[in-house]
C-alpha atoms as a PDB file:
ATOM      1  CA  MET A   1      -0.032   0.037   0.051  1.00  0.00           C
ATOM      2  CA  GLY A   2       1.643   3.280  -1.001  1.00  0.00           C
ATOM      3  CA  CYS A   3       2.066   6.181   1.623  1.00  0.00           C
ATOM      4  CA  LEU A   4       0.369   9.345   1.172  1.00  0.00           C
ATOM      5  CA  ASP A   5       1.451  12.662   1.993  1.00  0.00           C
ATOM      6  CA  ALA A   6      -1.495  14.188   3.960  1.00  0.00           C
ATOM      7  CA  GLU A   7      -2.669  15.317   7.481  1.00  0.00           C
ATOM      8  CA  LEU A   8      -5.937  14.605   9.314  1.00  0.00           C
ATOM      9  CA  SER A   9      -7.242  15.782  12.630  1.00  0.00           C
ATOM     10  CA  ILE A  10      -8.155  12.932  15.359  1.00  0.00           C
ATOM     11  CA  SER A  11     -10.443  13.938  18.174  1.00  0.00           C
ATOM     12  CA  LEU A  12     -11.199  11.470  21.053  1.00  0.00           C
ATOM     13  CA  THR A  13     -14.365  12.514  22.909  1.00  0.00           C
ATOM     14  CA  SER A  14     -17.401  11.337  24.858  1.00  0.00           C
ATOM     15  CA  ASP A  15     -20.686   9.675  23.721  1.00  0.00           C
ATOM     16  CA  ALA A  16     -22.505  13.148  24.537  1.00  0.00           C
ATOM     17  CA  GLU A  17     -20.163  15.108  22.522  1.00  0.00           C
ATOM     18  CA  ILE A  18     -20.132  12.614  19.393  1.00  0.00           C
ATOM     19  CA  ALA A  19     -24.002  12.533  19.728  1.00  0.00           C
ATOM     20  CA  GLU A  20     -24.273  16.465  19.698  1.00  0.00           C
ATOM     21  CA  LEU A  21     -21.777  16.428  16.762  1.00  0.00           C
ATOM     22  CA  ALA A  22     -23.838  13.875  14.637  1.00  0.00           C
ATOM     23  CA  GLY A  23     -26.865  15.726  15.211  1.00  0.00           C
ATOM     24  CA  ARG A  24     -25.148  19.082  14.267  1.00  0.00           C
ATOM     25  CA  PHE A  25     -24.386  17.456  10.823  1.00  0.00           C
ATOM     26  CA  GLY A  26     -27.582  15.821   9.990  1.00  0.00           C
ATOM     27  CA  ARG A  27     -26.968  12.502  11.396  1.00  0.00           C
ATOM     28  CA  PRO A  28     -29.268  10.698  14.177  1.00  0.00           C
ATOM     29  CA  ALA A  29     -28.153  12.652  17.358  1.00  0.00           C
ATOM     30  CA  ARG A  30     -27.065   9.530  19.229  1.00  0.00           C
ATOM     31  CA  PRO A  31     -23.658   8.075  20.357  1.00  0.00           C
ATOM     32  CA  THR A  32     -21.683   6.346  17.802  1.00  0.00           C
ATOM     33  CA  ASP A  33     -18.273   4.921  17.735  1.00  0.00           C
ATOM     34  CA  VAL A  34     -16.534   7.173  14.873  1.00  0.00           C
ATOM     35  CA  LEU A  35     -17.426  10.089  12.611  1.00  0.00           C
ATOM     36  CA  ALA A  36     -15.480  11.203   9.642  1.00  0.00           C
ATOM     37  CA  PHE A  37     -15.700  14.407   8.114  1.00  0.00           C
ATOM     38  CA  ALA A  38     -13.780  14.659   4.532  1.00  0.00           C
ATOM     39  CA  LEU A  39     -12.451  18.146   3.418  1.00  0.00           C
ATOM     40  CA  ALA A  40     -12.486  16.807  -0.109  1.00  0.00           C
ATOM     41  CA  GLU A  41     -14.024  14.046  -1.879  1.00  0.00           C
ATOM     42  CA  GLY A  42     -11.692  11.002  -2.627  1.00  0.00           C
ATOM     43  CA  PRO A  43      -8.028  10.748  -2.252  1.00  0.00           C
ATOM     44  CA  SER A  44      -7.148  13.918  -4.102  1.00  0.00           C
ATOM     45  CA  ALA A  45      -6.442  15.957  -1.186  1.00  0.00           C
ATOM     46  CA  ALA A  46      -3.824  13.443   0.072  1.00  0.00           C
ATOM     47  CA  HIS A  47      -1.861  13.699  -3.263  1.00  0.00           C
ATOM     48  CA  ARG A  48      -1.697  17.467  -2.708  1.00  0.00           C
ATOM     49  CA  GLY A  49      -0.270  16.962   0.726  1.00  0.00           C
ATOM     50  CA  GLU A  50      -3.432  18.868   2.203  1.00  0.00           C
ATOM     51  CA  SER A  51      -5.644  17.786   5.164  1.00  0.00           C
ATOM     52  CA  LEU A  52      -8.083  15.074   4.665  1.00  0.00           C
ATOM     53  CA  GLY A  53     -10.432  16.100   7.348  1.00  0.00           C
ATOM     54  CA  ASP A  54     -11.521  14.980  10.771  1.00  0.00           C
ATOM     55  CA  VAL A  55     -11.776  11.561  12.384  1.00  0.00           C
ATOM     56  CA  VAL A  56     -13.811  11.887  15.698  1.00  0.00           C
ATOM     57  CA  VAL A  57     -14.039   8.762  18.100  1.00  0.00           C
ATOM     58  CA  SER A  58     -16.316   8.319  21.099  1.00  0.00           C
ATOM     59  CA  VAL A  59     -13.785   6.576  23.593  1.00  0.00           C
ATOM     60  CA  GLU A  60     -16.929   5.798  25.721  1.00  0.00           C
ATOM     61  CA  THR A  61     -18.237   3.746  22.712  1.00  0.00           C
ATOM     62  CA  ALA A  62     -15.095   2.092  21.727  1.00  0.00           C
ATOM     63  CA  ALA A  63     -14.538   0.857  25.313  1.00  0.00           C
ATOM     64  CA  ARG A  64     -18.088  -0.806  25.294  1.00  0.00           C
ATOM     65  CA  GLN A  65     -17.009  -2.318  21.826  1.00  0.00           C
ATOM     66  CA  ALA A  66     -13.792  -3.432  23.079  1.00  0.00           C
ATOM     67  CA  GLY A  67     -15.371  -5.377  26.175  1.00  0.00           C
ATOM     68  CA  ARG A  68     -17.733  -6.945  23.866  1.00  0.00           C
ATOM     69  CA  ARG A  69     -15.201  -7.931  21.406  1.00  0.00           C
ATOM     70  CA  GLY A  70     -12.632  -9.160  23.999  1.00  0.00           C
ATOM     71  CA  VAL A  71     -10.038  -6.636  22.763  1.00  0.00           C
ATOM     72  CA  PRO A  72      -7.910  -4.084  24.165  1.00  0.00           C
ATOM     73  CA  LEU A  73      -9.099  -0.506  24.018  1.00  0.00           C
ATOM     74  CA  ASP A  74      -6.096   0.511  22.137  1.00  0.00           C
ATOM     75  CA  ASP A  75      -6.789  -2.064  19.443  1.00  0.00           C
ATOM     76  CA  GLU A  76     -10.632  -0.935  19.275  1.00  0.00           C
ATOM     77  CA  LEU A  77      -9.452   2.608  18.913  1.00  0.00           C
ATOM     78  CA  ARG A  78      -6.825   1.731  16.206  1.00  0.00           C
ATOM     79  CA  ASP A  79      -9.639  -0.073  14.321  1.00  0.00           C
ATOM     80  CA  LEU A  80     -11.887   2.806  14.499  1.00  0.00           C
ATOM     81  CA  LEU A  81      -9.135   5.380  13.113  1.00  0.00           C
ATOM     82  CA  ILE A  82      -8.489   3.058  10.433  1.00  0.00           C
ATOM     83  CA  HIS A  83     -12.220   3.028   9.565  1.00  0.00           C
ATOM     84  CA  GLY A  84     -12.497   6.799   9.756  1.00  0.00           C
ATOM     85  CA  LEU A  85      -9.519   7.311   7.554  1.00  0.00           C
ATOM     86  CA  LEU A  86     -10.743   5.032   4.800  1.00  0.00           C
ATOM     87  CA  HIS A  87     -14.020   7.278   4.935  1.00  0.00           C
ATOM     88  CA  LEU A  88     -11.730  10.376   4.556  1.00  0.00           C
ATOM     89  CA  LEU A  89     -10.092   8.685   1.542  1.00  0.00           C
ATOM     90  CA  GLY A  90     -13.735   8.262  -0.102  1.00  0.00           C
ATOM     91  CA  MET A  91     -14.758   4.638   0.850  1.00  0.00           C
ATOM     92  CA  ASP A  92     -17.991   3.593   2.154  1.00  0.00           C
ATOM     93  CA  HIS A  93     -20.006   0.705   2.939  1.00  0.00           C
ATOM     94  CA  GLY A  94     -23.356   1.363   1.234  1.00  0.00           C
ATOM     95  CA  THR A  95     -23.118  -1.951  -0.802  1.00  0.00           C
ATOM     96  CA  ALA A  96     -22.110  -5.344   0.192  1.00  0.00           C
ATOM     97  CA  ALA A  97     -19.077  -5.123  -2.375  1.00  0.00           C
ATOM     98  CA  ASP A  98     -18.079  -1.824  -0.729  1.00  0.00           C
ATOM     99  CA  SER A  99     -18.167  -3.191   2.857  1.00  0.00           C
ATOM    100  CA  ARG A 100     -16.100  -6.209   1.738  1.00  0.00           C
ATOM    101  CA  ARG A 101     -13.702  -4.147   0.189  1.00  0.00           C
ATOM    102  CA  MET A 102     -13.379  -1.640   3.144  1.00  0.00           C
ATOM    103  CA  ARG A 103     -13.010  -4.665   5.545  1.00  0.00           C
ATOM    104  CA  GLU A 104     -10.213  -5.943   3.206  1.00  0.00           C
ATOM    105  CA  LEU A 105      -8.469  -2.425   3.495  1.00  0.00           C
ATOM    106  CA  GLU A 106      -8.851  -2.337   7.123  1.00  0.00           C
ATOM    107  CA  GLU A 107      -7.468  -5.893   7.675  1.00  0.00           C
ATOM    108  CA  LEU A 108      -4.324  -4.645   5.319  1.00  0.00           C
ATOM    109  CA  LEU A 109      -3.884  -1.711   7.235  1.00  0.00           C
ATOM    110  CA  ARG A 110      -4.047  -3.378  10.701  1.00  0.00           C
ATOM    111  CA  TRP A 111      -1.449  -6.040   9.240  1.00  0.00           C
ATOM    112  CA  GLU A 112       0.863  -3.035   7.949  1.00  0.00           C
ATOM    113  CA  ILE A 113       0.500  -1.319  11.442  1.00  0.00           C
ATOM    114  CA  ALA A 114       1.425  -4.622  13.365  1.00  0.00           C
ATOM    115  CA  ARG A 115       4.258  -5.359  11.079  1.00  0.00           C
ATOM    116  CA  SER A 116       5.612  -1.950  11.654  1.00  0.00           C
ATOM    117  CA  ASP A 117       5.704  -2.208  15.390  1.00  0.00           C
END
């Protein structure tokens, strides 16, 4: 996987704050695990060295999900950041094929991160 020269903002927040943020941007005003706000469509911003956008993660929701999955919170946060990053790069999971492709890329990125540790 090629490396892109770009920036992104990461915010770790609470359920209350992410629910308020979701509602402000036309989504259901309830807690969710991750929100991504792209500043440009697709990976073009990354190729210009610009900011991709913002990834916002609810640590409270991430902790609950980590507990249900039986994984450390750090792993859950990593997975949510990867998921949000892929959204910033223009990916979505609106169809079964899109979901499958996104899961494949998430797995590849997890592997790349683990390999670099």
